[in-house]
């Protein structure tokens, strides 16, 4: 069973409000007629635009190139993480007194999210 011909996708559909064009098709109007092939192109575009990372072994998603500050304020943030102030390192990503860490460093809001493992913990441990 395929998708119906002339299916309409609202502008609120993930990332379509950006007014992007895929294969020359303008997706900025509020209700644009979209074919099955165009929907497949849209889904492929969205998938290729995303990155996956983990926090304490749990997978999360973000738009490629997104900073941590953008992520914590976006709908992709499905955690309680936010921007907090560390007594020594200034603004970092964390919750209450736990901080988002990668080996030996805090994660700052202006850093671009990488497809890697992060952990939520109290402080960084210096390598021995």
PDB file of N, CA and C in Angstrom:
ATOM      1  N   UNK A   1       0.848  -1.181   0.000  1.00  0.00           N
ATOM      2  CA  UNK A   1       0.000   0.000   0.000  1.00  0.00           C
ATOM      3  C   UNK A   1       0.889   1.239   0.000  1.00  0.00           C
ATOM      4  N   UNK A   2       0.746   2.059  -0.979  1.00  0.00           N
ATOM      5  CA  UNK A   2       1.566   3.260  -1.076  1.00  0.00           C
ATOM      6  C   UNK A   2       0.879   4.472  -0.476  1.00  0.00           C
ATOM      7  N   UNK A   3       1.602   5.559  -0.448  1.00  0.00           N
ATOM      8  CA  UNK A   3       1.032   6.818   0.019  1.00  0.00           C
ATOM      9  C   UNK A   3       0.084   7.362  -1.039  1.00  0.00           C
ATOM     10  N   UNK A   4      -1.010   8.016  -0.625  1.00  0.00           N
ATOM     11  CA  UNK A   4      -1.959   8.542  -1.594  1.00  0.00           C
ATOM     12  C   UNK A   4      -1.349   9.630  -2.458  1.00  0.00           C
ATOM     13  N   UNK A   5      -1.780   9.673  -3.711  1.00  0.00           N
ATOM     14  CA  UNK A   5      -1.293  10.683  -4.636  1.00  0.00           C
ATOM     15  C   UNK A   5      -1.772  12.055  -4.181  1.00  0.00           C
ATOM     16  N   UNK A   6      -0.887  13.070  -4.292  1.00  0.00           N
ATOM     17  CA  UNK A   6      -1.269  14.425  -3.916  1.00  0.00           C
ATOM     18  C   UNK A   6      -1.366  14.635  -2.420  1.00  0.00           C
ATOM     19  N   UNK A   7      -0.645  13.850  -1.635  1.00  0.00           N
ATOM     20  CA  UNK A   7      -0.648  14.002  -0.189  1.00  0.00           C
ATOM     21  C   UNK A   7      -0.158  15.390   0.201  1.00  0.00           C
ATOM     22  N   UNK A   8      -0.789  15.996   1.177  1.00  0.00           N
ATOM     23  CA  UNK A   8      -0.397  17.327   1.647  1.00  0.00           C
ATOM     24  C   UNK A   8       0.375  17.201   2.953  1.00  0.00           C
ATOM     25  N   UNK A   9       1.498  17.896   3.044  1.00  0.00           N
ATOM     26  CA  UNK A   9       2.327  17.902   4.246  1.00  0.00           C
ATOM     27  C   UNK A   9       2.313  19.308   4.819  1.00  0.00           C
ATOM     28  N   UNK A  10       1.854  19.498   6.049  1.00  0.00           N
ATOM     29  CA  UNK A  10       1.806  20.853   6.614  1.00  0.00           C
ATOM     30  C   UNK A  10       3.198  21.433   6.838  1.00  0.00           C
ATOM     31  N   UNK A  11       3.277  22.771   6.844  1.00  0.00           N
ATOM     32  CA  UNK A  11       4.564  23.447   7.019  1.00  0.00           C
ATOM     33  C   UNK A  11       5.164  23.151   8.381  1.00  0.00           C
ATOM     34  N   UNK A  12       4.346  22.759   9.365  1.00  0.00           N
ATOM     35  CA  UNK A  12       4.871  22.466  10.696  1.00  0.00           C
ATOM     36  C   UNK A  12       5.620  21.136  10.736  1.00  0.00           C
ATOM     37  N   UNK A  13       5.548  20.350   9.662  1.00  0.00           N
ATOM     38  CA  UNK A  13       6.287  19.091   9.586  1.00  0.00           C
ATOM     39  C   UNK A  13       7.767  19.364   9.792  1.00  0.00           C
ATOM     40  N   UNK A  14       8.435  18.506  10.529  1.00  0.00           N
ATOM     41  CA  UNK A  14       9.829  18.679  10.934  1.00  0.00           C
ATOM     42  C   UNK A  14      10.698  19.280   9.832  1.00  0.00           C
ATOM     43  N   UNK A  15      11.250  20.452  10.082  1.00  0.00           N
ATOM     44  CA  UNK A  15      12.221  21.168   9.264  1.00  0.00           C
ATOM     45  C   UNK A  15      11.637  21.812   7.998  1.00  0.00           C
ATOM     46  N   UNK A  16      10.366  21.577   7.659  1.00  0.00           N
ATOM     47  CA  UNK A  16       9.819  22.154   6.447  1.00  0.00           C
ATOM     48  C   UNK A  16       9.583  23.650   6.600  1.00  0.00           C
ATOM     49  N   UNK A  17       9.443  24.117   7.822  1.00  0.00           N
ATOM     50  CA  UNK A  17       9.218  25.543   8.049  1.00  0.00           C
ATOM     51  C   UNK A  17      10.447  26.365   7.695  1.00  0.00           C
ATOM     52  N   UNK A  18      11.557  25.718   7.456  1.00  0.00           N
ATOM     53  CA  UNK A  18      12.774  26.424   7.084  1.00  0.00           C
ATOM     54  C   UNK A  18      12.710  26.943   5.650  1.00  0.00           C
ATOM     55  N   UNK A  19      11.695  26.552   4.904  1.00  0.00           N
ATOM     56  CA  UNK A  19      11.565  26.998   3.524  1.00  0.00           C
ATOM     57  C   UNK A  19      12.601  26.372   2.612  1.00  0.00           C
ATOM     58  N   UNK A  20      12.999  25.154   2.894  1.00  0.00           N
ATOM     59  CA  UNK A  20      14.012  24.491   2.080  1.00  0.00           C
ATOM     60  C   UNK A  20      13.429  24.043   0.755  1.00  0.00           C
ATOM     61  N   UNK A  21      14.302  23.783  -0.179  1.00  0.00           N
ATOM     62  CA  UNK A  21      13.895  23.207  -1.449  1.00  0.00           C
ATOM     63  C   UNK A  21      14.593  21.869  -1.603  1.00  0.00           C
ATOM     64  N   UNK A  22      13.837  20.868  -1.982  1.00  0.00           N
ATOM     65  CA  UNK A  22      14.386  19.547  -2.241  1.00  0.00           C
ATOM     66  C   UNK A  22      14.021  19.207  -3.677  1.00  0.00           C
ATOM     67  N   UNK A  23      15.029  18.923  -4.490  1.00  0.00           N
ATOM     68  CA  UNK A  23      14.828  18.652  -5.916  1.00  0.00           C
ATOM     69  C   UNK A  23      13.999  19.740  -6.579  1.00  0.00           C
ATOM     70  N   UNK A  24      14.225  20.997  -6.188  1.00  0.00           N
ATOM     71  CA  UNK A  24      13.549  22.127  -6.804  1.00  0.00           C
ATOM     72  C   UNK A  24      12.125  22.336  -6.340  1.00  0.00           C
ATOM     73  N   UNK A  25      11.657  21.546  -5.381  1.00  0.00           N
ATOM     74  CA  UNK A  25      10.286  21.675  -4.895  1.00  0.00           C
ATOM     75  C   UNK A  25      10.280  22.559  -3.656  1.00  0.00           C
ATOM     76  N   UNK A  26       9.546  23.668  -3.699  1.00  0.00           N
ATOM     77  CA  UNK A  26       9.502  24.629  -2.599  1.00  0.00           C
ATOM     78  C   UNK A  26       8.602  24.098  -1.486  1.00  0.00           C
ATOM     79  N   UNK A  27       9.180  23.936  -0.298  1.00  0.00           N
ATOM     80  CA  UNK A  27       8.435  23.408   0.838  1.00  0.00           C
ATOM     81  C   UNK A  27       8.064  24.499   1.840  1.00  0.00           C
ATOM     82  N   UNK A  28       8.110  25.752   1.439  1.00  0.00           N
ATOM     83  CA  UNK A  28       7.875  26.837   2.392  1.00  0.00           C
ATOM     84  C   UNK A  28       6.409  27.208   2.533  1.00  0.00           C
ATOM     85  N   UNK A  29       5.547  26.763   1.620  1.00  0.00           N
ATOM     86  CA  UNK A  29       4.132  27.106   1.747  1.00  0.00           C
ATOM     87  C   UNK A  29       3.491  26.261   2.842  1.00  0.00           C
ATOM     88  N   UNK A  30       2.376  26.737   3.368  1.00  0.00           N
ATOM     89  CA  UNK A  30       1.770  26.054   4.510  1.00  0.00           C
ATOM     90  C   UNK A  30       1.191  24.689   4.144  1.00  0.00           C
ATOM     91  N   UNK A  31       0.675  24.527   2.934  1.00  0.00           N
ATOM     92  CA  UNK A  31       0.188  23.216   2.493  1.00  0.00           C
ATOM     93  C   UNK A  31       0.606  23.026   1.043  1.00  0.00           C
ATOM     94  N   UNK A  32       1.653  22.272   0.856  1.00  0.00           N
ATOM     95  CA  UNK A  32       2.192  22.058  -0.482  1.00  0.00           C
ATOM     96  C   UNK A  32       1.902  20.630  -0.909  1.00  0.00           C
ATOM     97  N   UNK A  33       1.356  20.416  -2.132  1.00  0.00           N
ATOM     98  CA  UNK A  33       1.125  19.046  -2.589  1.00  0.00           C
ATOM     99  C   UNK A  33       2.462  18.337  -2.792  1.00  0.00           C
ATOM    100  N   UNK A  34       2.558  17.134  -2.269  1.00  0.00           N
ATOM    101  CA  UNK A  34       3.826  16.402  -2.292  1.00  0.00           C
ATOM    102  C   UNK A  34       3.579  14.993  -2.812  1.00  0.00           C
ATOM    103  N   UNK A  35       4.418  14.539  -3.737  1.00  0.00           N
ATOM    104  CA  UNK A  35       4.306  13.178  -4.270  1.00  0.00           C
ATOM    105  C   UNK A  35       5.046  12.193  -3.362  1.00  0.00           C
ATOM    106  N   UNK A  36       4.848  10.899  -3.599  1.00  0.00           N
ATOM    107  CA  UNK A  36       5.545   9.866  -2.829  1.00  0.00           C
ATOM    108  C   UNK A  36       7.059  10.019  -2.948  1.00  0.00           C
ATOM    109  N   UNK A  37       7.548  10.260  -4.171  1.00  0.00           N
ATOM    110  CA  UNK A  37       8.990  10.422  -4.380  1.00  0.00           C
ATOM    111  C   UNK A  37       9.515  11.636  -3.614  1.00  0.00           C
ATOM    112  N   UNK A  38       8.738  12.705  -3.595  1.00  0.00           N
ATOM    113  CA  UNK A  38       9.166  13.900  -2.870  1.00  0.00           C
ATOM    114  C   UNK A  38       9.179  13.652  -1.366  1.00  0.00           C
ATOM    115  N   UNK A  39       8.201  12.886  -0.859  1.00  0.00           N
ATOM    116  CA  UNK A  39       8.189  12.538   0.566  1.00  0.00           C
ATOM    117  C   UNK A  39       9.418  11.707   0.890  1.00  0.00           C
ATOM    118  N   UNK A  40       9.764  10.756   0.029  1.00  0.00           N
ATOM    119  CA  UNK A  40      10.965   9.953   0.248  1.00  0.00           C
ATOM    120  C   UNK A  40      12.209  10.838   0.258  1.00  0.00           C
ATOM    121  N   UNK A  41      12.269  11.829  -0.646  1.00  0.00           N
ATOM    122  CA  UNK A  41      13.394  12.774  -0.668  1.00  0.00           C
ATOM    123  C   UNK A  41      13.445  13.580   0.627  1.00  0.00           C
ATOM    124  N   UNK A  42      12.278  14.009   1.099  1.00  0.00           N
ATOM    125  CA  UNK A  42      12.202  14.792   2.339  1.00  0.00           C
ATOM    126  C   UNK A  42      12.716  13.969   3.511  1.00  0.00           C
ATOM    127  N   UNK A  43      12.243  12.722   3.618  1.00  0.00           N
ATOM    128  CA  UNK A  43      12.666  11.858   4.725  1.00  0.00           C
ATOM    129  C   UNK A  43      14.157  11.560   4.661  1.00  0.00           C
ATOM    130  N   UNK A  44      14.685  11.333   3.459  1.00  0.00           N
ATOM    131  CA  UNK A  44      16.119  11.100   3.297  1.00  0.00           C
ATOM    132  C   UNK A  44      16.902  12.351   3.686  1.00  0.00           C
ATOM    133  N   UNK A  45      16.427  13.524   3.253  1.00  0.00           N
ATOM    134  CA  UNK A  45      17.073  14.784   3.613  1.00  0.00           C
ATOM    135  C   UNK A  45      17.112  14.967   5.123  1.00  0.00           C
ATOM    136  N   UNK A  46      15.990  14.696   5.790  1.00  0.00           N
ATOM    137  CA  UNK A  46      15.931  14.831   7.251  1.00  0.00           C
ATOM    138  C   UNK A  46      16.892  13.852   7.907  1.00  0.00           C
ATOM    139  N   UNK A  47      16.882  12.594   7.469  1.00  0.00           N
ATOM    140  CA  UNK A  47      17.763  11.580   8.061  1.00  0.00           C
ATOM    141  C   UNK A  47      19.237  11.951   7.886  1.00  0.00           C
ATOM    142  N   UNK A  48      19.607  12.419   6.699  1.00  0.00           N
ATOM    143  CA  UNK A  48      20.995  12.792   6.454  1.00  0.00           C
ATOM    144  C   UNK A  48      21.390  14.068   7.188  1.00  0.00           C
ATOM    145  N   UNK A  49      20.411  14.839   7.633  1.00  0.00           N
ATOM    146  CA  UNK A  49      20.675  16.083   8.349  1.00  0.00           C
ATOM    147  C   UNK A  49      20.842  15.862   9.846  1.00  0.00           C
ATOM    148  N   UNK A  50      20.649  14.640  10.305  1.00  0.00           N
ATOM    149  CA  UNK A  50      20.668  14.348  11.734  1.00  0.00           C
ATOM    150  C   UNK A  50      21.946  13.625  12.148  1.00  0.00           C
ATOM    151  N   UNK A  51      22.286  13.763  13.416  1.00  0.00           N
ATOM    152  CA  UNK A  51      23.390  13.019  14.012  1.00  0.00           C
ATOM    153  C   UNK A  51      22.888  12.375  15.290  1.00  0.00           C
ATOM    154  N   UNK A  52      23.491  11.280  15.685  1.00  0.00           N
ATOM    155  CA  UNK A  52      23.126  10.580  16.911  1.00  0.00           C
ATOM    156  C   UNK A  52      24.319  10.585  17.854  1.00  0.00           C
ATOM    157  N   UNK A  53      24.056  10.825  19.123  1.00  0.00           N
ATOM    158  CA  UNK A  53      25.083  10.777  20.170  1.00  0.00           C
ATOM    159  C   UNK A  53      24.462  10.096  21.374  1.00  0.00           C
ATOM    160  N   UNK A  54      25.289   9.696  22.332  1.00  0.00           N
ATOM    161  CA  UNK A  54      24.753   9.051  23.527  1.00  0.00           C
ATOM    162  C   UNK A  54      25.170   9.798  24.781  1.00  0.00           C
ATOM    163  N   UNK A  55      24.291   9.761  25.767  1.00  0.00           N
ATOM    164  CA  UNK A  55      24.581  10.279  27.105  1.00  0.00           C
ATOM    165  C   UNK A  55      24.327   9.130  28.065  1.00  0.00           C
ATOM    166  N   UNK A  56      25.382   8.682  28.743  1.00  0.00           N
ATOM    167  CA  UNK A  56      25.299   7.530  29.639  1.00  0.00           C
ATOM    168  C   UNK A  56      24.650   6.336  28.946  1.00  0.00           C
ATOM    169  N   UNK A  57      25.015   6.106  27.676  1.00  0.00           N
ATOM    170  CA  UNK A  57      24.546   4.951  26.932  1.00  0.00           C
ATOM    171  C   UNK A  57      23.169   5.091  26.289  1.00  0.00           C
ATOM    172  N   UNK A  58      22.481   6.221  26.483  1.00  0.00           N
ATOM    173  CA  UNK A  58      21.151   6.439  25.899  1.00  0.00           C
ATOM    174  C   UNK A  58      21.302   7.318  24.660  1.00  0.00           C
ATOM    175  N   UNK A  59      20.758   6.862  23.532  1.00  0.00           N
ATOM    176  CA  UNK A  59      20.886   7.585  22.264  1.00  0.00           C
ATOM    177  C   UNK A  59      19.971   8.809  22.217  1.00  0.00           C
ATOM    178  N   UNK A  60      20.502   9.887  21.645  1.00  0.00           N
ATOM    179  CA  UNK A  60      19.760  11.136  21.429  1.00  0.00           C
ATOM    180  C   UNK A  60      20.093  11.628  20.034  1.00  0.00           C
ATOM    181  N   UNK A  61      19.251  12.530  19.495  1.00  0.00           N
ATOM    182  CA  UNK A  61      19.463  13.037  18.139  1.00  0.00           C
ATOM    183  C   UNK A  61      19.540  14.549  18.140  1.00  0.00           C
ATOM    184  N   UNK A  62      20.247  15.058  17.140  1.00  0.00           N
ATOM    185  CA  UNK A  62      20.374  16.503  16.936  1.00  0.00           C
ATOM    186  C   UNK A  62      20.593  16.741  15.451  1.00  0.00           C
ATOM    187  N   UNK A  63      20.367  17.961  15.022  1.00  0.00           N
ATOM    188  CA  UNK A  63      20.671  18.345  13.650  1.00  0.00           C
ATOM    189  C   UNK A  63      22.182  18.504  13.547  1.00  0.00           C
ATOM    190  N   UNK A  64      22.782  17.968  12.475  1.00  0.00           N
ATOM    191  CA  UNK A  64      24.231  18.108  12.291  1.00  0.00           C
ATOM    192  C   UNK A  64      24.612  19.582  12.339  1.00  0.00           C
ATOM    193  N   UNK A  65      25.671  19.895  13.080  1.00  0.00           N
ATOM    194  CA  UNK A  65      26.140  21.270  13.209  1.00  0.00           C
ATOM    195  C   UNK A  65      25.493  22.033  14.352  1.00  0.00           C
ATOM    196  N   UNK A  66      24.530  21.427  15.037  1.00  0.00           N
ATOM    197  CA  UNK A  66      23.835  22.077  16.146  1.00  0.00           C
ATOM    198  C   UNK A  66      24.764  22.170  17.350  1.00  0.00           C
ATOM    199  N   UNK A  67      24.744  23.302  18.035  1.00  0.00           N
ATOM    200  CA  UNK A  67      25.535  23.438  19.258  1.00  0.00           C
ATOM    201  C   UNK A  67      24.731  22.897  20.440  1.00  0.00           C
ATOM    202  N   UNK A  68      25.435  22.674  21.541  1.00  0.00           N
ATOM    203  CA  UNK A  68      24.762  22.203  22.749  1.00  0.00           C
ATOM    204  C   UNK A  68      23.763  23.233  23.257  1.00  0.00           C
ATOM    205  N   UNK A  69      24.088  24.509  23.144  1.00  0.00           N
ATOM    206  CA  UNK A  69      23.152  25.555  23.560  1.00  0.00           C
ATOM    207  C   UNK A  69      21.875  25.526  22.743  1.00  0.00           C
ATOM    208  N   UNK A  70      22.006  25.313  21.434  1.00  0.00           N
ATOM    209  CA  UNK A  70      20.825  25.199  20.573  1.00  0.00           C
ATOM    210  C   UNK A  70      20.030  23.943  20.917  1.00  0.00           C
ATOM    211  N   UNK A  71      20.740  22.839  21.169  1.00  0.00           N
ATOM    212  CA  UNK A  71      20.073  21.571  21.452  1.00  0.00           C
ATOM    213  C   UNK A  71      19.264  21.630  22.744  1.00  0.00           C
ATOM    214  N   UNK A  72      19.840  22.178  23.822  1.00  0.00           N
ATOM    215  CA  UNK A  72      19.099  22.179  25.091  1.00  0.00           C
ATOM    216  C   UNK A  72      17.838  23.036  25.003  1.00  0.00           C
ATOM    217  N   UNK A  73      17.804  23.989  24.076  1.00  0.00           N
ATOM    218  CA  UNK A  73      16.630  24.842  23.910  1.00  0.00           C
ATOM    219  C   UNK A  73      15.733  24.390  22.759  1.00  0.00           C
ATOM    220  N   UNK A  74      15.961  23.183  22.254  1.00  0.00           N
ATOM    221  CA  UNK A  74      15.187  22.693  21.112  1.00  0.00           C
ATOM    222  C   UNK A  74      14.252  21.563  21.543  1.00  0.00           C
ATOM    223  N   UNK A  75      13.391  21.170  20.617  1.00  0.00           N
ATOM    224  CA  UNK A  75      12.484  20.053  20.886  1.00  0.00           C
ATOM    225  C   UNK A  75      13.218  18.711  20.867  1.00  0.00           C
ATOM    226  N   UNK A  76      14.465  18.678  20.406  1.00  0.00           N
ATOM    227  CA  UNK A  76      15.252  17.441  20.398  1.00  0.00           C
ATOM    228  C   UNK A  76      15.726  17.067  21.805  1.00  0.00           C
ATOM    229  N   UNK A  77      15.774  18.038  22.695  1.00  0.00           N
ATOM    230  CA  UNK A  77      16.211  17.788  24.072  1.00  0.00           C
ATOM    231  C   UNK A  77      15.100  17.068  24.819  1.00  0.00           C
ATOM    232  N   UNK A  78      15.268  15.766  24.999  1.00  0.00           N
ATOM    233  CA  UNK A  78      14.286  14.971  25.734  1.00  0.00           C
ATOM    234  C   UNK A  78      14.808  14.623  27.132  1.00  0.00           C
ATOM    235  N   UNK A  79      15.668  15.478  27.643  1.00  0.00           N
ATOM    236  CA  UNK A  79      16.252  15.300  28.970  1.00  0.00           C
ATOM    237  C   UNK A  79      15.969  16.551  29.796  1.00  0.00           C
ATOM    238  N   UNK A  80      16.507  16.601  31.001  1.00  0.00           N
ATOM    239  CA  UNK A  80      16.407  17.792  31.839  1.00  0.00           C
ATOM    240  C   UNK A  80      17.639  18.684  31.700  1.00  0.00           C
ATOM    241  N   UNK A  81      18.528  18.362  30.762  1.00  0.00           N
ATOM    242  CA  UNK A  81      19.744  19.150  30.590  1.00  0.00           C
ATOM    243  C   UNK A  81      19.423  20.584  30.186  1.00  0.00           C
ATOM    244  N   UNK A  82      20.203  21.496  30.701  1.00  0.00           N
ATOM    245  CA  UNK A  82      20.057  22.913  30.400  1.00  0.00           C
ATOM    246  C   UNK A  82      21.424  23.579  30.524  1.00  0.00           C
ATOM    247  N   UNK A  83      21.480  24.881  30.338  1.00  0.00           N
ATOM    248  CA  UNK A  83      22.734  25.624  30.536  1.00  0.00           C
ATOM    249  C   UNK A  83      22.787  26.038  31.998  1.00  0.00           C
ATOM    250  N   UNK A  84      23.840  25.631  32.681  1.00  0.00           N
ATOM    251  CA  UNK A  84      24.029  26.001  34.088  1.00  0.00           C
ATOM    252  C   UNK A  84      25.415  26.619  34.246  1.00  0.00           C
ATOM    253  N   UNK A  85      25.635  27.247  35.382  1.00  0.00           N
ATOM    254  CA  UNK A  85      26.925  27.890  35.642  1.00  0.00           C
ATOM    255  C   UNK A  85      27.758  27.022  36.571  1.00  0.00           C
ATOM    256  N   UNK A  86      28.942  26.661  36.111  1.00  0.00           N
ATOM    257  CA  UNK A  86      29.906  25.907  36.907  1.00  0.00           C
ATOM    258  C   UNK A  86      30.779  26.920  37.649  1.00  0.00           C
ATOM    259  N   UNK A  87      31.112  26.657  38.876  1.00  0.00           N
ATOM    260  CA  UNK A  87      31.867  27.614  39.704  1.00  0.00           C
ATOM    261  C   UNK A  87      33.203  28.000  39.100  1.00  0.00           C
ATOM    262  N   UNK A  88      33.787  27.120  38.283  1.00  0.00           N
ATOM    263  CA  UNK A  88      35.106  27.396  37.731  1.00  0.00           C
ATOM    264  C   UNK A  88      35.118  27.534  36.204  1.00  0.00           C
ATOM    265  N   UNK A  89      34.209  26.849  35.532  1.00  0.00           N
ATOM    266  CA  UNK A  89      34.239  26.791  34.072  1.00  0.00           C
ATOM    267  C   UNK A  89      33.166  27.625  33.379  1.00  0.00           C
ATOM    268  N   UNK A  90      32.420  28.420  34.116  1.00  0.00           N
ATOM    269  CA  UNK A  90      31.394  29.271  33.504  1.00  0.00           C
ATOM    270  C   UNK A  90      30.201  28.465  33.033  1.00  0.00           C
ATOM    271  N   UNK A  91      29.611  28.886  31.919  1.00  0.00           N
ATOM    272  CA  UNK A  91      28.434  28.209  31.403  1.00  0.00           C
ATOM    273  C   UNK A  91      28.797  26.849  30.817  1.00  0.00           C
ATOM    274  N   UNK A  92      28.105  25.826  31.306  1.00  0.00           N
ATOM    275  CA  UNK A  92      28.291  24.460  30.824  1.00  0.00           C
ATOM    276  C   UNK A  92      26.914  23.822  30.685  1.00  0.00           C
ATOM    277  N   UNK A  93      26.868  22.638  30.113  1.00  0.00           N
ATOM    278  CA  UNK A  93      25.625  21.893  29.989  1.00  0.00           C
ATOM    279  C   UNK A  93      25.509  20.953  31.179  1.00  0.00           C
ATOM    280  N   UNK A  94      24.343  20.932  31.813  1.00  0.00           N
ATOM    281  CA  UNK A  94      24.157  20.064  32.966  1.00  0.00           C
ATOM    282  C   UNK A  94      22.756  20.169  33.534  1.00  0.00           C
ATOM    283  N   UNK A  95      22.594  19.586  34.704  1.00  0.00           N
ATOM    284  CA  UNK A  95      21.341  19.647  35.453  1.00  0.00           C
ATOM    285  C   UNK A  95      21.692  19.600  36.934  1.00  0.00           C
ATOM    286  N   UNK A  96      21.152  20.539  37.703  1.00  0.00           N
ATOM    287  CA  UNK A  96      21.430  20.677  39.129  1.00  0.00           C
ATOM    288  C   UNK A  96      22.943  20.739  39.350  1.00  0.00           C
ATOM    289  N   UNK A  97      23.529  19.729  39.999  1.00  0.00           N
ATOM    290  CA  UNK A  97      24.986  19.745  40.221  1.00  0.00           C
ATOM    291  C   UNK A  97      25.695  18.654  39.425  1.00  0.00           C
ATOM    292  N   UNK A  98      25.039  18.120  38.397  1.00  0.00           N
ATOM    293  CA  UNK A  98      25.667  17.141  37.510  1.00  0.00           C
ATOM    294  C   UNK A  98      25.950  17.827  36.180  1.00  0.00           C
ATOM    295  N   UNK A  99      27.069  17.488  35.591  1.00  0.00           N
ATOM    296  CA  UNK A  99      27.519  18.166  34.384  1.00  0.00           C
ATOM    297  C   UNK A  99      27.681  17.179  33.239  1.00  0.00           C
ATOM    298  N   UNK A 100      27.387  17.637  32.022  1.00  0.00           N
ATOM    299  CA  UNK A 100      27.630  16.816  30.850  1.00  0.00           C
ATOM    300  C   UNK A 100      29.127  16.835  30.576  1.00  0.00           C
ATOM    301  N   UNK A 101      29.698  15.647  30.445  1.00  0.00           N
ATOM    302  CA  UNK A 101      31.143  15.522  30.314  1.00  0.00           C
ATOM    303  C   UNK A 101      31.500  14.608  29.156  1.00  0.00           C
ATOM    304  N   UNK A 102      32.649  14.857  28.600  1.00  0.00           N
ATOM    305  CA  UNK A 102      33.317  13.883  27.759  1.00  0.00           C
ATOM    306  C   UNK A 102      34.654  13.710  28.476  1.00  0.00           C
ATOM    307  N   UNK A 103      35.455  12.780  28.100  1.00  0.00           N
ATOM    308  CA  UNK A 103      36.648  12.532  28.928  1.00  0.00           C
ATOM    309  C   UNK A 103      37.403  13.806  29.317  1.00  0.00           C
ATOM    310  N   UNK A 104      37.398  14.072  30.588  1.00  0.00           N
ATOM    311  CA  UNK A 104      38.216  15.112  31.232  1.00  0.00           C
ATOM    312  C   UNK A 104      37.799  16.550  30.976  1.00  0.00           C
ATOM    313  N   UNK A 105      36.690  16.811  30.304  1.00  0.00           N
ATOM    314  CA  UNK A 105      36.280  18.197  30.088  1.00  0.00           C
ATOM    315  C   UNK A 105      34.770  18.363  30.177  1.00  0.00           C
ATOM    316  N   UNK A 106      34.355  19.553  30.598  1.00  0.00           N
ATOM    317  CA  UNK A 106      32.936  19.919  30.580  1.00  0.00           C
ATOM    318  C   UNK A 106      32.525  20.255  29.156  1.00  0.00           C
ATOM    319  N   UNK A 107      31.239  20.191  28.890  1.00  0.00           N
ATOM    320  CA  UNK A 107      30.699  20.537  27.580  1.00  0.00           C
ATOM    321  C   UNK A 107      30.084  21.932  27.690  1.00  0.00           C
ATOM    322  N   UNK A 108      30.474  22.825  26.795  1.00  0.00           N
ATOM    323  CA  UNK A 108      30.016  24.212  26.816  1.00  0.00           C
ATOM    324  C   UNK A 108      28.943  24.453  25.760  1.00  0.00           C
ATOM    325  N   UNK A 109      28.047  25.438  25.986  1.00  0.00           N
ATOM    326  CA  UNK A 109      26.925  25.684  25.075  1.00  0.00           C
ATOM    327  C   UNK A 109      27.309  25.986  23.627  1.00  0.00           C
ATOM    328  N   UNK A 110      28.471  26.580  23.396  1.00  0.00           N
ATOM    329  CA  UNK A 110      28.844  26.961  22.028  1.00  0.00           C
ATOM    330  C   UNK A 110      29.554  25.840  21.258  1.00  0.00           C
ATOM    331  N   UNK A 111      29.727  24.687  21.875  1.00  0.00           N
ATOM    332  CA  UNK A 111      30.379  23.556  21.208  1.00  0.00           C
ATOM    333  C   UNK A 111      29.387  22.813  20.321  1.00  0.00           C
ATOM    334  N   UNK A 112      29.843  22.401  19.147  1.00  0.00           N
ATOM    335  CA  UNK A 112      29.013  21.618  18.230  1.00  0.00           C
ATOM    336  C   UNK A 112      28.932  20.182  18.745  1.00  0.00           C
ATOM    337  N   UNK A 113      27.746  19.619  18.713  1.00  0.00           N
ATOM    338  CA  UNK A 113      27.521  18.245  19.156  1.00  0.00           C
ATOM    339  C   UNK A 113      28.230  17.288  18.199  1.00  0.00           C
ATOM    340  N   UNK A 114      28.940  16.336  18.766  1.00  0.00           N
ATOM    341  CA  UNK A 114      29.646  15.323  17.986  1.00  0.00           C
ATOM    342  C   UNK A 114      28.952  13.973  18.174  1.00  0.00           C
ATOM    343  N   UNK A 115      29.063  13.106  17.207  1.00  0.00           N
ATOM    344  CA  UNK A 115      28.492  11.760  17.298  1.00  0.00           C
ATOM    345  C   UNK A 115      29.418  10.914  18.156  1.00  0.00           C
ATOM    346  N   UNK A 116      29.320  11.088  19.469  1.00  0.00           N
ATOM    347  CA  UNK A 116      30.178  10.354  20.390  1.00  0.00           C
ATOM    348  C   UNK A 116      29.457  10.109  21.700  1.00  0.00           C
ATOM    349  N   UNK A 117      30.120   9.450  22.634  1.00  0.00           N
ATOM    350  CA  UNK A 117      29.575   9.142  23.954  1.00  0.00           C
ATOM    351  C   UNK A 117      29.894  10.271  24.918  1.00  0.00           C
ATOM    352  N   UNK A 118      28.870  10.771  25.579  1.00  0.00           N
ATOM    353  CA  UNK A 118      29.018  11.760  26.642  1.00  0.00           C
ATOM    354  C   UNK A 118      28.508  11.109  27.917  1.00  0.00           C
ATOM    355  N   UNK A 119      28.844  11.682  29.051  1.00  0.00           N
ATOM    356  CA  UNK A 119      28.316  11.145  30.298  1.00  0.00           C
ATOM    357  C   UNK A 119      27.892  12.289  31.197  1.00  0.00           C
ATOM    358  N   UNK A 120      26.943  12.006  32.055  1.00  0.00           N
ATOM    359  CA  UNK A 120      26.489  12.975  33.041  1.00  0.00           C
ATOM    360  C   UNK A 120      27.121  12.586  34.363  1.00  0.00           C
ATOM    361  N   UNK A 121      27.878  13.494  34.963  1.00  0.00           N
ATOM    362  CA  UNK A 121      28.575  13.175  36.193  1.00  0.00           C
ATOM    363  C   UNK A 121      28.837  14.408  37.036  1.00  0.00           C
ATOM    364  N   UNK A 122      29.478  14.193  38.174  1.00  0.00           N
ATOM    365  CA  UNK A 122      29.728  15.278  39.114  1.00  0.00           C
ATOM    366  C   UNK A 122      30.859  16.187  38.664  1.00  0.00           C
ATOM    367  N   UNK A 123      32.006  15.653  38.384  1.00  0.00           N
ATOM    368  CA  UNK A 123      33.170  16.426  37.971  1.00  0.00           C
ATOM    369  C   UNK A 123      34.033  15.578  37.051  1.00  0.00           C
ATOM    370  N   UNK A 124      34.939  16.230  36.384  1.00  0.00           N
ATOM    371  CA  UNK A 124      35.878  15.484  35.547  1.00  0.00           C
ATOM    372  C   UNK A 124      36.983  14.913  36.404  1.00  0.00           C
ATOM    373  N   UNK A 125      37.465  13.786  36.002  1.00  0.00           N
ATOM    374  CA  UNK A 125      38.604  13.184  36.680  1.00  0.00           C
ATOM    375  C   UNK A 125      39.825  13.380  35.807  1.00  0.00           C
ATOM    376  N   UNK A 126      40.893  13.857  36.372  1.00  0.00           N
ATOM    377  CA  UNK A 126      42.124  14.055  35.603  1.00  0.00           C
ATOM    378  C   UNK A 126      42.758  12.710  35.304  1.00  0.00           C
ATOM    379  N   UNK A 127      43.315  12.560  34.122  1.00  0.00           N
ATOM    380  CA  UNK A 127      43.951  11.273  33.799  1.00  0.00           C
ATOM    381  C   UNK A 127      45.157  11.036  34.695  1.00  0.00           C
ATOM    382  N   UNK A 128      45.387   9.767  34.987  1.00  0.00           N
ATOM    383  CA  UNK A 128      46.532   9.420  35.845  1.00  0.00           C
ATOM    384  C   UNK A 128      47.683   8.916  35.034  1.00  0.00           C
TER     385      UNK A 128
END
